[in-house]
N, C-alpha and C. Protein backbone atom coordinates (compact mmCIF):
# COMPACT_ATOMS: atom_id res chain seq x y z
N MET A 1 -36.03 -96.25 -11.20
CA MET A 1 -35.47 -94.92 -11.49
C MET A 1 -35.50 -93.72 -10.69
N SER A 2 -34.01 -93.04 -11.06
CA SER A 2 -33.36 -92.22 -10.04
C SER A 2 -34.52 -90.93 -9.68
N THR A 3 -34.32 -90.68 -8.83
CA THR A 3 -35.19 -89.22 -8.10
C THR A 3 -34.09 -88.03 -8.10
N MET A 4 -34.61 -86.97 -8.04
CA MET A 4 -33.38 -85.85 -7.33
C MET A 4 -32.93 -85.93 -6.25
N TYR A 5 -32.94 -86.82 -5.12
CA TYR A 5 -32.70 -87.46 -4.25
C TYR A 5 -31.74 -88.28 -4.20
N ASP A 6 -31.23 -89.12 -5.26
CA ASP A 6 -30.44 -90.34 -5.36
C ASP A 6 -29.40 -89.27 -6.16
N ILE A 7 -29.50 -88.14 -6.40
CA ILE A 7 -28.14 -87.89 -7.69
C ILE A 7 -27.18 -87.40 -6.53
N PRO A 8 -27.21 -86.52 -5.35
CA PRO A 8 -26.61 -86.41 -4.73
C PRO A 8 -25.68 -87.76 -3.82
N ARG A 9 -26.74 -88.58 -3.37
CA ARG A 9 -25.97 -89.64 -2.82
C ARG A 9 -25.08 -90.37 -3.78
N GLN A 10 -25.46 -90.64 -5.05
CA GLN A 10 -24.77 -91.06 -6.02
C GLN A 10 -23.83 -90.42 -6.15
N ALA A 11 -23.60 -89.19 -6.20
CA ALA A 11 -22.12 -88.42 -6.46
C ALA A 11 -21.12 -88.48 -5.50
N ALA A 12 -22.00 -89.01 -4.02
CA ALA A 12 -21.05 -88.85 -2.69
C ALA A 12 -20.17 -90.50 -2.83
N GLU A 13 -20.95 -91.33 -3.50
CA GLU A 13 -20.64 -92.82 -3.95
C GLU A 13 -19.60 -92.26 -4.81
N ARG A 14 -19.37 -92.07 -5.55
CA ARG A 14 -18.77 -91.92 -6.88
C ARG A 14 -17.41 -91.19 -6.15
N GLU A 15 -17.92 -90.23 -5.32
CA GLU A 15 -16.44 -89.39 -4.58
C GLU A 15 -15.62 -90.32 -3.50
N LEU A 16 -16.77 -91.17 -2.84
CA LEU A 16 -16.01 -92.05 -2.07
C LEU A 16 -15.14 -92.96 -2.67
N ASP A 17 -15.47 -93.58 -3.74
CA ASP A 17 -14.93 -94.76 -4.46
C ASP A 17 -13.97 -94.42 -5.15
N ALA A 18 -13.73 -93.09 -5.33
CA ALA A 18 -12.39 -92.32 -6.63
C ALA A 18 -11.42 -92.38 -5.18
N ALA A 19 -11.94 -91.74 -4.12
CA ALA A 19 -11.35 -91.37 -2.68
C ALA A 19 -10.41 -92.92 -2.24
N GLN A 20 -10.97 -93.91 -1.78
CA GLN A 20 -10.46 -95.22 -1.92
C GLN A 20 -9.49 -95.48 -2.82
N ALA A 21 -9.77 -95.40 -3.45
CA ALA A 21 -8.74 -95.79 -5.44
C ALA A 21 -7.68 -94.72 -4.98
N GLU A 22 -7.65 -93.38 -4.62
CA GLU A 22 -6.91 -92.61 -4.37
C GLU A 22 -5.74 -93.15 -3.63
N LEU A 23 -6.14 -93.30 -2.36
CA LEU A 23 -5.73 -93.81 -1.27
C LEU A 23 -4.81 -95.58 -1.62
N SER A 24 -5.61 -96.16 -2.36
CA SER A 24 -5.23 -97.54 -2.34
C SER A 24 -3.98 -97.24 -3.33
N SER A 25 -4.06 -96.25 -4.22
CA SER A 25 -2.37 -96.37 -5.07
C SER A 25 -1.52 -95.89 -4.64
N LEU A 26 -1.58 -95.47 -3.21
CA LEU A 26 -0.34 -94.79 -2.66
C LEU A 26 0.72 -95.79 -2.14
N ASP A 27 1.72 -96.04 -2.66
CA ASP A 27 2.66 -96.78 -1.79
C ASP A 27 3.91 -96.36 -0.74
N ALA A 28 4.87 -96.61 -0.81
CA ALA A 28 5.42 -96.55 0.84
C ALA A 28 6.45 -95.25 0.62
N THR A 29 6.39 -94.67 -1.41
CA THR A 29 7.34 -93.37 -1.35
C THR A 29 6.50 -92.29 -1.05
N ALA A 30 5.03 -92.68 -1.20
CA ALA A 30 4.46 -91.27 -1.18
C ALA A 30 5.00 -90.17 0.31
N SER A 31 4.97 -88.90 -0.28
CA SER A 31 4.98 -88.27 0.75
C SER A 31 3.65 -87.96 1.92
N PRO A 32 4.40 -88.08 3.51
CA PRO A 32 3.31 -87.52 4.21
C PRO A 32 2.30 -87.00 4.06
N SER A 33 2.58 -85.57 3.01
CA SER A 33 1.69 -84.74 2.72
C SER A 33 0.61 -85.43 1.95
N ARG A 34 0.97 -85.91 1.12
CA ARG A 34 -0.16 -86.65 -0.11
C ARG A 34 -0.84 -87.47 0.60
N LEU A 35 0.09 -88.24 1.58
CA LEU A 35 -1.11 -89.18 2.25
C LEU A 35 -2.17 -88.76 3.44
N GLU A 36 -1.60 -87.46 3.81
CA GLU A 36 -2.51 -86.92 4.91
C GLU A 36 -3.76 -86.30 3.71
N ARG A 37 -3.30 -85.46 2.50
CA ARG A 37 -4.40 -85.13 1.63
C ARG A 37 -5.54 -86.23 1.50
N ALA A 38 -4.68 -87.58 1.12
CA ALA A 38 -5.67 -88.65 0.65
C ALA A 38 -6.58 -88.97 1.56
N LEU A 39 -6.19 -89.15 2.99
CA LEU A 39 -6.99 -89.41 4.08
C LEU A 39 -8.03 -88.14 4.10
N GLU A 40 -7.72 -87.61 4.14
CA GLU A 40 -8.45 -85.91 4.07
C GLU A 40 -9.78 -86.23 3.31
N ARG A 41 -9.40 -86.43 1.81
CA ARG A 41 -10.64 -86.96 0.94
C ARG A 41 -11.02 -88.01 1.29
N VAL A 42 -10.72 -89.33 1.65
CA VAL A 42 -11.25 -89.94 2.20
C VAL A 42 -12.42 -89.85 3.21
N GLU A 43 -12.35 -88.88 4.09
CA GLU A 43 -12.79 -88.77 5.15
C GLU A 43 -13.89 -87.82 4.99
N ALA A 44 -13.56 -86.52 3.96
CA ALA A 44 -14.82 -85.97 3.64
C ALA A 44 -15.69 -86.27 2.73
N ALA A 45 -15.63 -87.27 1.79
CA ALA A 45 -16.40 -88.62 1.18
C ALA A 45 -17.17 -88.85 1.98
N ARG A 46 -16.65 -89.62 2.97
CA ARG A 46 -17.54 -90.24 3.70
C ARG A 46 -18.67 -89.76 4.31
N SER A 47 -18.18 -88.02 4.79
CA SER A 47 -19.30 -86.96 6.03
C SER A 47 -19.90 -87.02 4.64
N ALA A 48 -19.81 -86.40 3.29
CA ALA A 48 -20.51 -86.17 2.40
C ALA A 48 -22.40 -87.40 2.25
N LEU A 49 -21.53 -88.34 1.99
CA LEU A 49 -22.40 -89.81 1.68
C LEU A 49 -22.93 -89.88 3.05
N ALA A 50 -22.81 -89.75 4.29
CA ALA A 50 -23.43 -89.78 5.36
C ALA A 50 -24.55 -88.96 5.13
N LEU A 51 -24.24 -87.24 5.21
CA LEU A 51 -25.06 -86.24 4.65
C LEU A 51 -26.09 -86.77 3.91
N ALA A 52 -25.90 -87.32 2.64
CA ALA A 52 -26.62 -88.02 1.50
C ALA A 52 -27.67 -88.66 1.90
N ALA A 53 -27.38 -89.44 2.56
CA ALA A 53 -28.44 -90.82 2.95
C ALA A 53 -29.46 -90.32 3.65
């Protein structure tokens, strides 16, 4: 059973999964700014997950 404290962690885990999938989907033709944004999203998701833990 989920508690109200599990919800932010689950959301952070989903965001990290999505951010990592986005980063993985980029190929060599991705612009440097696109790659930078994807990396920033992953880092933000990791930070959110650490706070939700």
